[in-house]
N, C-alpha and C. Protein backbone atom coordinates (compact mmCIF):
# COMPACT_ATOMS: atom_id res chain seq x y z
N MET A 1 18.28 16.86 -34.26
CA MET A 1 18.98 18.10 -34.34
C MET A 1 19.97 18.01 -35.48
N GLN A 2 19.87 18.92 -36.41
CA GLN A 2 20.76 18.91 -37.57
C GLN A 2 21.40 20.28 -37.71
N PHE A 3 22.70 20.26 -37.93
CA PHE A 3 23.44 21.50 -38.07
C PHE A 3 23.53 21.88 -39.55
N PRO A 4 23.56 23.18 -39.83
CA PRO A 4 23.69 23.58 -41.23
C PRO A 4 25.01 23.10 -41.81
N ASN A 5 24.98 22.71 -43.07
CA ASN A 5 26.15 22.24 -43.81
C ASN A 5 26.79 21.00 -43.17
N SER A 6 26.00 20.19 -42.50
CA SER A 6 26.54 18.95 -41.92
C SER A 6 25.87 17.77 -42.61
N PRO A 7 26.56 16.68 -42.67
CA PRO A 7 25.96 15.52 -43.33
C PRO A 7 24.78 14.99 -42.52
N LYS A 8 23.89 14.34 -43.22
CA LYS A 8 22.66 13.86 -42.60
C LYS A 8 22.94 12.81 -41.52
N HIS A 9 23.93 11.97 -41.72
CA HIS A 9 24.21 10.90 -40.75
C HIS A 9 24.69 11.44 -39.41
N LEU A 10 25.26 12.63 -39.41
CA LEU A 10 25.72 13.22 -38.15
C LEU A 10 24.54 13.50 -37.22
N SER A 11 23.46 13.99 -37.78
CA SER A 11 22.29 14.27 -36.94
C SER A 11 21.72 12.99 -36.36
N LEU A 12 21.78 11.89 -37.12
CA LEU A 12 21.30 10.61 -36.60
C LEU A 12 22.20 10.12 -35.48
N ASP A 13 23.51 10.33 -35.62
CA ASP A 13 24.44 9.92 -34.57
C ASP A 13 24.19 10.69 -33.28
N VAL A 14 23.92 11.99 -33.38
CA VAL A 14 23.66 12.81 -32.20
C VAL A 14 22.37 12.34 -31.53
N THR A 15 21.37 12.06 -32.33
CA THR A 15 20.09 11.58 -31.78
C THR A 15 20.29 10.24 -31.08
N ARG A 16 21.04 9.33 -31.71
CA ARG A 16 21.30 8.03 -31.13
C ARG A 16 22.08 8.19 -29.82
N TRP A 17 23.05 9.08 -29.81
CA TRP A 17 23.85 9.34 -28.61
C TRP A 17 22.96 9.88 -27.49
N ASN A 18 22.03 10.81 -27.83
CA ASN A 18 21.11 11.36 -26.83
C ASN A 18 20.25 10.25 -26.22
N ARG A 19 19.78 9.34 -27.07
CA ARG A 19 18.96 8.24 -26.57
C ARG A 19 19.77 7.33 -25.64
N GLU A 20 21.02 7.06 -26.00
CA GLU A 20 21.87 6.22 -25.16
C GLU A 20 22.10 6.87 -23.80
N VAL A 21 22.32 8.18 -23.78
CA VAL A 21 22.53 8.89 -22.52
C VAL A 21 21.27 8.82 -21.68
N GLU A 22 20.10 9.01 -22.30
CA GLU A 22 18.84 8.94 -21.56
C GLU A 22 18.62 7.54 -21.01
N ASP A 23 18.94 6.50 -21.82
CA ASP A 23 18.80 5.12 -21.35
C ASP A 23 19.71 4.84 -20.16
N GLU A 24 20.94 5.38 -20.20
CA GLU A 24 21.87 5.19 -19.09
C GLU A 24 21.34 5.86 -17.82
N LYS A 25 20.77 7.06 -17.98
CA LYS A 25 20.22 7.76 -16.82
C LYS A 25 19.07 6.98 -16.21
N GLU A 26 18.20 6.41 -17.06
CA GLU A 26 17.09 5.61 -16.56
C GLU A 26 17.60 4.36 -15.84
N ALA A 27 18.63 3.73 -16.39
CA ALA A 27 19.20 2.54 -15.75
C ALA A 27 19.78 2.89 -14.39
N GLU A 28 20.46 4.04 -14.29
CA GLU A 28 21.01 4.47 -13.00
C GLU A 28 19.90 4.74 -12.00
N ALA A 29 18.83 5.37 -12.46
CA ALA A 29 17.71 5.65 -11.56
C ALA A 29 17.10 4.35 -11.03
N LYS A 30 17.02 3.33 -11.88
CA LYS A 30 16.48 2.05 -11.43
C LYS A 30 17.41 1.36 -10.46
N LYS A 31 18.73 1.55 -10.67
CA LYS A 31 19.71 0.91 -9.79
C LYS A 31 19.72 1.50 -8.39
N LYS A 32 19.37 2.79 -8.29
CA LYS A 32 19.37 3.43 -6.98
C LYS A 32 18.40 2.70 -6.07
N LYS A 33 18.82 2.52 -4.84
CA LYS A 33 17.96 1.83 -3.89
C LYS A 33 16.77 2.71 -3.55
N THR A 34 15.62 2.07 -3.53
CA THR A 34 14.43 2.82 -3.13
C THR A 34 14.33 2.78 -1.61
N GLY A 35 13.74 3.81 -1.06
CA GLY A 35 13.59 3.90 0.39
C GLY A 35 12.54 2.93 0.90
N ILE A 36 12.51 2.77 2.18
CA ILE A 36 11.59 1.81 2.79
C ILE A 36 10.14 2.24 2.60
N VAL A 37 9.89 3.55 2.63
CA VAL A 37 8.52 4.03 2.44
C VAL A 37 8.08 3.77 1.00
N ALA A 38 8.99 3.96 0.04
CA ALA A 38 8.66 3.68 -1.36
C ALA A 38 8.38 2.19 -1.56
N LYS A 39 9.17 1.34 -0.93
CA LYS A 39 8.93 -0.10 -1.02
C LYS A 39 7.59 -0.46 -0.39
N PHE A 40 7.29 0.18 0.75
CA PHE A 40 6.01 -0.06 1.42
C PHE A 40 4.85 0.32 0.51
N LYS A 41 4.95 1.49 -0.13
CA LYS A 41 3.88 1.93 -1.03
C LYS A 41 3.74 1.00 -2.22
N GLN A 42 4.86 0.56 -2.79
CA GLN A 42 4.81 -0.34 -3.93
C GLN A 42 4.20 -1.68 -3.54
N MET A 43 4.59 -2.18 -2.37
CA MET A 43 4.00 -3.44 -1.90
C MET A 43 2.51 -3.28 -1.62
N THR A 44 2.12 -2.09 -1.17
CA THR A 44 0.69 -1.84 -0.93
C THR A 44 -0.07 -1.93 -2.25
N LYS A 45 0.52 -1.41 -3.31
CA LYS A 45 -0.14 -1.49 -4.62
C LYS A 45 -0.19 -2.91 -5.14
N ASP A 46 0.92 -3.65 -4.99
CA ASP A 46 1.01 -4.98 -5.59
C ASP A 46 0.41 -6.09 -4.72
N TYR A 47 0.67 -6.03 -3.43
CA TYR A 47 0.28 -7.13 -2.53
C TYR A 47 -0.45 -6.61 -1.31
N TRP A 48 -1.42 -5.73 -1.49
CA TRP A 48 -2.15 -5.13 -0.37
C TRP A 48 -2.80 -6.19 0.49
N TYR A 49 -3.26 -7.27 -0.11
CA TYR A 49 -3.99 -8.30 0.62
C TYR A 49 -3.07 -9.14 1.50
N VAL A 50 -1.76 -9.04 1.32
CA VAL A 50 -0.79 -9.68 2.21
C VAL A 50 -0.23 -8.65 3.19
N LEU A 51 0.07 -7.46 2.68
CA LEU A 51 0.71 -6.43 3.49
C LEU A 51 -0.18 -5.96 4.65
N ILE A 52 -1.45 -5.76 4.41
CA ILE A 52 -2.33 -5.22 5.45
C ILE A 52 -2.39 -6.14 6.68
N PRO A 53 -2.62 -7.44 6.52
CA PRO A 53 -2.61 -8.29 7.73
C PRO A 53 -1.24 -8.31 8.42
N VAL A 54 -0.17 -8.34 7.63
CA VAL A 54 1.17 -8.34 8.23
C VAL A 54 1.38 -7.04 9.00
N HIS A 55 0.98 -5.92 8.40
CA HIS A 55 1.16 -4.63 9.04
C HIS A 55 0.34 -4.51 10.33
N VAL A 56 -0.87 -5.01 10.30
CA VAL A 56 -1.72 -4.97 11.50
C VAL A 56 -1.10 -5.81 12.62
N VAL A 57 -0.66 -7.01 12.29
CA VAL A 57 -0.08 -7.89 13.30
C VAL A 57 1.19 -7.28 13.88
N THR A 58 2.07 -6.78 13.00
CA THR A 58 3.32 -6.20 13.51
C THR A 58 3.05 -4.91 14.29
N SER A 59 2.09 -4.12 13.87
CA SER A 59 1.78 -2.88 14.59
C SER A 59 1.24 -3.17 15.98
N VAL A 60 0.37 -4.16 16.09
CA VAL A 60 -0.16 -4.54 17.40
C VAL A 60 0.97 -5.07 18.28
N ALA A 61 1.87 -5.85 17.70
CA ALA A 61 2.99 -6.38 18.47
C ALA A 61 3.91 -5.25 18.95
N TRP A 62 4.21 -4.30 18.07
CA TRP A 62 5.05 -3.17 18.47
C TRP A 62 4.38 -2.36 19.57
N GLY A 63 3.12 -2.03 19.36
CA GLY A 63 2.39 -1.23 20.35
C GLY A 63 2.31 -1.93 21.69
N GLY A 64 2.01 -3.21 21.67
CA GLY A 64 1.95 -3.98 22.90
C GLY A 64 3.29 -4.07 23.60
N THR A 65 4.33 -4.24 22.82
CA THR A 65 5.67 -4.31 23.40
C THR A 65 6.04 -3.00 24.07
N PHE A 66 5.76 -1.89 23.40
CA PHE A 66 6.09 -0.59 23.98
C PHE A 66 5.26 -0.33 25.23
N TYR A 67 4.00 -0.72 25.22
CA TYR A 67 3.16 -0.53 26.40
C TYR A 67 3.70 -1.35 27.57
N LEU A 68 4.06 -2.60 27.30
CA LEU A 68 4.62 -3.44 28.36
C LEU A 68 5.94 -2.88 28.88
N MET A 69 6.75 -2.32 27.98
CA MET A 69 8.00 -1.69 28.42
C MET A 69 7.71 -0.56 29.40
N CYS A 70 6.73 0.26 29.06
CA CYS A 70 6.38 1.40 29.93
C CYS A 70 5.80 0.91 31.25
N LYS A 71 4.96 -0.09 31.18
CA LYS A 71 4.24 -0.57 32.37
C LYS A 71 5.16 -1.33 33.33
N THR A 72 6.18 -2.00 32.80
CA THR A 72 7.04 -2.83 33.66
C THR A 72 8.19 -2.06 34.27
N GLY A 73 8.31 -0.78 33.98
CA GLY A 73 9.31 0.02 34.66
C GLY A 73 10.57 0.29 33.88
N VAL A 74 10.61 -0.04 32.60
CA VAL A 74 11.77 0.30 31.78
C VAL A 74 11.82 1.82 31.68
N ASP A 75 13.02 2.40 31.78
CA ASP A 75 13.16 3.85 31.73
C ASP A 75 13.01 4.34 30.29
N VAL A 76 11.78 4.39 29.82
CA VAL A 76 11.47 4.76 28.45
C VAL A 76 11.79 6.23 28.20
N VAL A 77 11.65 7.06 29.22
CA VAL A 77 11.90 8.49 29.05
C VAL A 77 13.35 8.74 28.66
N SER A 78 14.28 8.06 29.30
CA SER A 78 15.69 8.26 28.93
C SER A 78 15.98 7.72 27.53
N ILE A 79 15.31 6.66 27.16
CA ILE A 79 15.47 6.13 25.79
C ILE A 79 14.97 7.15 24.78
N LEU A 80 13.81 7.75 25.06
CA LEU A 80 13.27 8.75 24.15
C LEU A 80 14.13 10.01 24.13
N GLN A 81 14.73 10.36 25.26
CA GLN A 81 15.65 11.50 25.28
C GLN A 81 16.87 11.20 24.41
N TRP A 82 17.36 9.99 24.49
CA TRP A 82 18.49 9.57 23.68
C TRP A 82 18.15 9.62 22.19
N CYS A 83 16.86 9.34 21.86
CA CYS A 83 16.41 9.39 20.46
C CYS A 83 16.22 10.82 19.96
N GLY A 84 16.25 11.79 20.87
CA GLY A 84 16.19 13.18 20.44
C GLY A 84 14.88 13.90 20.70
N LEU A 85 13.98 13.34 21.47
CA LEU A 85 12.74 14.04 21.80
C LEU A 85 13.03 15.13 22.82
N SER A 86 12.30 16.21 22.72
CA SER A 86 12.56 17.37 23.58
C SER A 86 12.10 17.10 25.02
N GLU A 87 12.75 17.80 25.93
CA GLU A 87 12.41 17.69 27.36
C GLU A 87 10.97 18.12 27.63
N ALA A 88 10.55 19.22 26.99
CA ALA A 88 9.20 19.75 27.22
C ALA A 88 8.14 18.71 26.79
N TYR A 89 8.37 18.10 25.66
CA TYR A 89 7.43 17.09 25.15
C TYR A 89 7.39 15.88 26.10
N LEU A 90 8.54 15.44 26.54
CA LEU A 90 8.59 14.28 27.43
C LEU A 90 7.96 14.59 28.79
N GLU A 91 8.12 15.81 29.26
CA GLU A 91 7.48 16.19 30.53
C GLU A 91 5.97 16.13 30.42
N LYS A 92 5.45 16.63 29.30
CA LYS A 92 4.00 16.57 29.07
C LYS A 92 3.52 15.12 29.08
N LEU A 93 4.30 14.25 28.45
CA LEU A 93 3.92 12.84 28.41
C LEU A 93 3.94 12.21 29.79
N GLN A 94 4.96 12.54 30.58
CA GLN A 94 5.09 11.94 31.91
C GLN A 94 3.99 12.38 32.86
N HIS A 95 3.54 13.61 32.72
CA HIS A 95 2.56 14.14 33.67
C HIS A 95 1.12 14.09 33.16
N SER A 96 0.90 13.37 32.09
CA SER A 96 -0.47 13.27 31.58
C SER A 96 -1.20 12.14 32.31
N GLU A 97 -2.53 12.14 32.18
CA GLU A 97 -3.34 11.08 32.79
C GLU A 97 -3.08 9.74 32.11
N TRP A 98 -2.72 9.80 30.86
CA TRP A 98 -2.53 8.61 30.05
C TRP A 98 -1.04 8.32 29.88
N GLN A 99 -0.29 8.42 30.93
CA GLN A 99 1.16 8.37 30.88
C GLN A 99 1.69 7.15 30.10
N TYR A 100 1.25 5.96 30.45
CA TYR A 100 1.78 4.75 29.81
C TYR A 100 1.41 4.71 28.33
N TYR A 101 0.15 5.06 28.04
CA TYR A 101 -0.27 5.05 26.64
C TYR A 101 0.48 6.11 25.83
N ALA A 102 0.66 7.28 26.43
CA ALA A 102 1.35 8.37 25.74
C ALA A 102 2.80 8.01 25.47
N LEU A 103 3.47 7.46 26.46
CA LEU A 103 4.87 7.07 26.27
C LEU A 103 4.99 5.92 25.26
N ALA A 104 4.07 4.97 25.33
CA ALA A 104 4.09 3.86 24.38
C ALA A 104 3.85 4.38 22.96
N TYR A 105 2.94 5.33 22.82
CA TYR A 105 2.68 5.89 21.49
C TYR A 105 3.88 6.68 20.98
N ALA A 106 4.56 7.40 21.86
CA ALA A 106 5.77 8.13 21.45
C ALA A 106 6.84 7.15 20.97
N CYS A 107 7.01 6.06 21.70
CA CYS A 107 7.97 5.03 21.27
C CYS A 107 7.55 4.44 19.93
N TYR A 108 6.27 4.20 19.78
CA TYR A 108 5.72 3.64 18.54
C TYR A 108 6.05 4.56 17.36
N LYS A 109 5.89 5.87 17.56
CA LYS A 109 6.16 6.82 16.49
C LYS A 109 7.65 6.94 16.20
N VAL A 110 8.47 6.89 17.24
CA VAL A 110 9.92 6.98 17.05
C VAL A 110 10.43 5.75 16.28
N ALA A 111 9.81 4.62 16.50
CA ALA A 111 10.25 3.37 15.87
C ALA A 111 9.65 3.16 14.48
N THR A 112 8.99 4.15 13.91
CA THR A 112 8.32 3.99 12.62
C THR A 112 9.23 3.44 11.52
N PRO A 113 10.43 3.95 11.32
CA PRO A 113 11.27 3.36 10.25
C PRO A 113 11.55 1.87 10.46
N VAL A 114 11.78 1.49 11.69
CA VAL A 114 12.04 0.08 11.98
C VAL A 114 10.76 -0.73 11.79
N ARG A 115 9.63 -0.17 12.21
CA ARG A 115 8.35 -0.88 12.04
C ARG A 115 8.06 -1.14 10.57
N TYR A 116 8.27 -0.13 9.72
CA TYR A 116 8.02 -0.29 8.30
C TYR A 116 8.99 -1.31 7.69
N THR A 117 10.22 -1.30 8.16
CA THR A 117 11.19 -2.28 7.66
C THR A 117 10.75 -3.70 8.02
N VAL A 118 10.29 -3.89 9.24
CA VAL A 118 9.81 -5.21 9.66
C VAL A 118 8.57 -5.60 8.86
N THR A 119 7.68 -4.66 8.60
CA THR A 119 6.48 -4.96 7.82
C THR A 119 6.85 -5.37 6.40
N VAL A 120 7.75 -4.62 5.77
CA VAL A 120 8.17 -4.96 4.40
C VAL A 120 8.86 -6.33 4.39
N GLY A 121 9.73 -6.56 5.37
CA GLY A 121 10.40 -7.86 5.46
C GLY A 121 9.43 -9.00 5.70
N GLY A 122 8.49 -8.80 6.61
CA GLY A 122 7.49 -9.82 6.90
C GLY A 122 6.59 -10.09 5.70
N THR A 123 6.26 -9.03 4.99
CA THR A 123 5.42 -9.20 3.80
C THR A 123 6.19 -9.95 2.71
N THR A 124 7.46 -9.60 2.52
CA THR A 124 8.29 -10.29 1.53
C THR A 124 8.40 -11.77 1.88
N TRP A 125 8.63 -12.06 3.13
CA TRP A 125 8.73 -13.44 3.60
C TRP A 125 7.40 -14.18 3.38
N SER A 126 6.29 -13.52 3.73
CA SER A 126 4.96 -14.13 3.56
C SER A 126 4.67 -14.41 2.10
N ILE A 127 5.00 -13.45 1.24
CA ILE A 127 4.77 -13.64 -0.20
C ILE A 127 5.58 -14.82 -0.72
N HIS A 128 6.83 -14.90 -0.29
CA HIS A 128 7.70 -16.00 -0.73
C HIS A 128 7.09 -17.35 -0.37
N TYR A 129 6.68 -17.50 0.88
CA TYR A 129 6.14 -18.78 1.29
C TYR A 129 4.75 -19.05 0.73
N LEU A 130 3.94 -18.03 0.60
CA LEU A 130 2.62 -18.24 0.00
C LEU A 130 2.73 -18.65 -1.46
N GLN A 131 3.70 -18.08 -2.18
CA GLN A 131 3.94 -18.50 -3.56
C GLN A 131 4.49 -19.92 -3.60
N LYS A 132 5.39 -20.23 -2.68
CA LYS A 132 6.00 -21.55 -2.63
C LYS A 132 4.94 -22.63 -2.40
N TRP A 133 3.97 -22.34 -1.55
CA TRP A 133 2.92 -23.29 -1.24
C TRP A 133 1.75 -23.21 -2.22
N GLY A 134 1.81 -22.30 -3.17
CA GLY A 134 0.75 -22.19 -4.18
C GLY A 134 -0.53 -21.56 -3.67
N MET A 135 -0.43 -20.79 -2.61
CA MET A 135 -1.63 -20.19 -2.02
C MET A 135 -1.82 -18.73 -2.39
N LEU A 136 -0.84 -18.13 -3.06
CA LEU A 136 -0.89 -16.70 -3.35
C LEU A 136 -1.44 -16.47 -4.75
N LYS A 137 -2.45 -15.65 -4.82
CA LYS A 137 -2.97 -15.23 -6.11
C LYS A 137 -2.32 -13.90 -6.46
N THR A 138 -1.99 -13.74 -7.72
CA THR A 138 -1.41 -12.48 -8.15
C THR A 138 -2.51 -11.43 -8.26
N SER A 139 -2.11 -10.19 -8.37
CA SER A 139 -3.08 -9.11 -8.51
C SER A 139 -3.91 -9.30 -9.77
N ALA A 140 -3.29 -9.82 -10.83
CA ALA A 140 -4.02 -10.06 -12.07
C ALA A 140 -5.11 -11.11 -11.86
N ASP A 141 -4.79 -12.18 -11.12
CA ASP A 141 -5.79 -13.21 -10.83
C ASP A 141 -6.94 -12.63 -10.02
N LEU A 142 -6.61 -11.83 -9.02
CA LEU A 142 -7.66 -11.20 -8.21
C LEU A 142 -8.53 -10.28 -9.06
N ALA A 143 -7.88 -9.50 -9.93
CA ALA A 143 -8.63 -8.57 -10.78
C ALA A 143 -9.55 -9.32 -11.73
N SER A 144 -9.07 -10.42 -12.31
CA SER A 144 -9.92 -11.18 -13.22
C SER A 144 -11.09 -11.82 -12.46
N GLY A 145 -10.85 -12.29 -11.24
CA GLY A 145 -11.93 -12.85 -10.44
C GLY A 145 -12.98 -11.80 -10.10
N ILE A 146 -12.53 -10.61 -9.77
CA ILE A 146 -13.46 -9.52 -9.47
C ILE A 146 -14.25 -9.16 -10.71
N ARG A 147 -13.55 -9.10 -11.87
CA ARG A 147 -14.25 -8.79 -13.13
C ARG A 147 -15.32 -9.82 -13.43
N GLU A 148 -15.01 -11.11 -13.23
CA GLU A 148 -15.98 -12.17 -13.48
C GLU A 148 -17.19 -12.03 -12.57
N ARG A 149 -16.95 -11.80 -11.28
CA ARG A 149 -18.07 -11.63 -10.34
C ARG A 149 -18.89 -10.41 -10.69
N THR A 150 -18.23 -9.35 -11.14
CA THR A 150 -18.94 -8.13 -11.54
C THR A 150 -19.81 -8.40 -12.75
N ASP A 151 -19.27 -9.13 -13.72
CA ASP A 151 -20.05 -9.46 -14.92
C ASP A 151 -21.26 -10.32 -14.57
N VAL A 152 -21.08 -11.29 -13.69
CA VAL A 152 -22.19 -12.15 -13.28
C VAL A 152 -23.26 -11.32 -12.57
N ALA A 153 -22.83 -10.45 -11.67
CA ALA A 153 -23.78 -9.60 -10.94
C ALA A 153 -24.50 -8.66 -11.90
N LYS A 154 -23.77 -8.13 -12.88
CA LYS A 154 -24.38 -7.23 -13.85
C LYS A 154 -25.43 -7.97 -14.68
N ASP A 155 -25.10 -9.21 -15.10
CA ASP A 155 -26.07 -10.01 -15.86
C ASP A 155 -27.32 -10.30 -15.04
N LYS A 156 -27.13 -10.65 -13.76
CA LYS A 156 -28.28 -10.90 -12.89
C LYS A 156 -29.14 -9.65 -12.75
N LEU A 157 -28.50 -8.51 -12.58
CA LEU A 157 -29.22 -7.26 -12.44
C LEU A 157 -30.01 -6.94 -13.70
N GLU A 158 -29.39 -7.15 -14.86
CA GLU A 158 -30.09 -6.90 -16.12
C GLU A 158 -31.29 -7.83 -16.27
N ASP A 159 -31.12 -9.11 -15.91
CA ASP A 159 -32.23 -10.06 -15.98
C ASP A 159 -33.37 -9.64 -15.06
N GLU A 160 -33.03 -9.26 -13.83
CA GLU A 160 -34.05 -8.82 -12.89
C GLU A 160 -34.74 -7.55 -13.39
N TRP A 161 -33.97 -6.66 -13.99
CA TRP A 161 -34.52 -5.42 -14.52
C TRP A 161 -35.53 -5.72 -15.63
N GLU A 162 -35.16 -6.64 -16.53
CA GLU A 162 -36.08 -7.02 -17.62
C GLU A 162 -37.35 -7.66 -17.06
N LYS A 163 -37.19 -8.56 -16.09
CA LYS A 163 -38.36 -9.20 -15.48
C LYS A 163 -39.27 -8.17 -14.82
N ALA A 164 -38.67 -7.23 -14.13
CA ALA A 164 -39.47 -6.19 -13.47
C ALA A 164 -40.23 -5.37 -14.50
N TRP A 165 -39.58 -5.01 -15.60
CA TRP A 165 -40.27 -4.23 -16.63
C TRP A 165 -41.39 -5.04 -17.29
N GLU A 166 -41.17 -6.36 -17.48
CA GLU A 166 -42.22 -7.21 -18.05
C GLU A 166 -43.43 -7.27 -17.11
N ARG A 167 -43.14 -7.43 -15.81
CA ARG A 167 -44.25 -7.46 -14.84
C ARG A 167 -45.00 -6.13 -14.84
N TYR A 168 -44.24 -5.04 -14.91
CA TYR A 168 -44.85 -3.72 -14.93
C TYR A 168 -45.71 -3.55 -16.18
N ALA A 169 -45.18 -4.00 -17.33
CA ALA A 169 -45.93 -3.87 -18.57
C ALA A 169 -47.23 -4.71 -18.51
N LYS A 170 -47.17 -5.89 -17.93
CA LYS A 170 -48.35 -6.74 -17.81
C LYS A 170 -49.39 -6.08 -16.91
N ARG A 171 -48.96 -5.53 -15.78
CA ARG A 171 -49.89 -4.86 -14.88
C ARG A 171 -50.53 -3.66 -15.55
N ARG A 172 -49.72 -2.92 -16.28
CA ARG A 172 -50.24 -1.72 -16.96
C ARG A 172 -51.26 -2.09 -18.02
N ALA A 173 -50.94 -3.17 -18.76
CA ALA A 173 -51.87 -3.65 -19.79
C ALA A 173 -53.16 -4.14 -19.15
N LYS A 174 -53.03 -4.81 -18.02
CA LYS A 174 -54.21 -5.32 -17.33
C LYS A 174 -55.06 -4.17 -16.82
N LYS A 175 -54.43 -3.10 -16.29
CA LYS A 175 -55.19 -1.94 -15.83
C LYS A 175 -55.93 -1.28 -16.97
N LYS A 176 -55.31 -1.19 -18.14
CA LYS A 176 -55.97 -0.58 -19.30
C LYS A 176 -57.16 -1.40 -19.73
N GLU A 177 -57.05 -2.74 -19.67
CA GLU A 177 -58.15 -3.60 -20.03
C GLU A 177 -59.31 -3.44 -19.06
N ASP A 178 -58.98 -3.29 -17.77
CA ASP A 178 -60.02 -3.15 -16.75
C ASP A 178 -60.77 -1.84 -16.90
N GLN A 179 -60.15 -0.83 -17.43
CA GLN A 179 -60.80 0.48 -17.53
C GLN A 179 -61.68 0.48 -18.71
């Protein structure tokens, strides 16, 4: 941006200042804490092969714990009321055929933020120890391994394709000779 009758260096200073302001805004955005769901999604992209087993194990543990709470007589309904679930919804859950499962599932859904926090924490812990023990492959290592296997499979397929065409050509030539 250059103003009429202004020296050329002034426009460079304004441009430089604009860039510095943009850089500061980006730095602030990076400093802001990301939410647990954003961390979960990022970990899914980076370490899906660690996160999925951790998430399955923790989800089964949460679900089982909530089911046992319902089955052993803990007053889950009052806990869910305290968490803010409506009376009408809780009545439907209490009077359904699947009472224990329904109440356990409601607890499971109410505890979602805590479940995701435990999954992210468990995944972070697992990654730390797997790296420490040298057992964790990075996404780049996995991708290169997949690329290598794909290349090998592609080469095998091309070889088989060529062999099949050669056999076909021989049969065709033989049929022409026979005629």
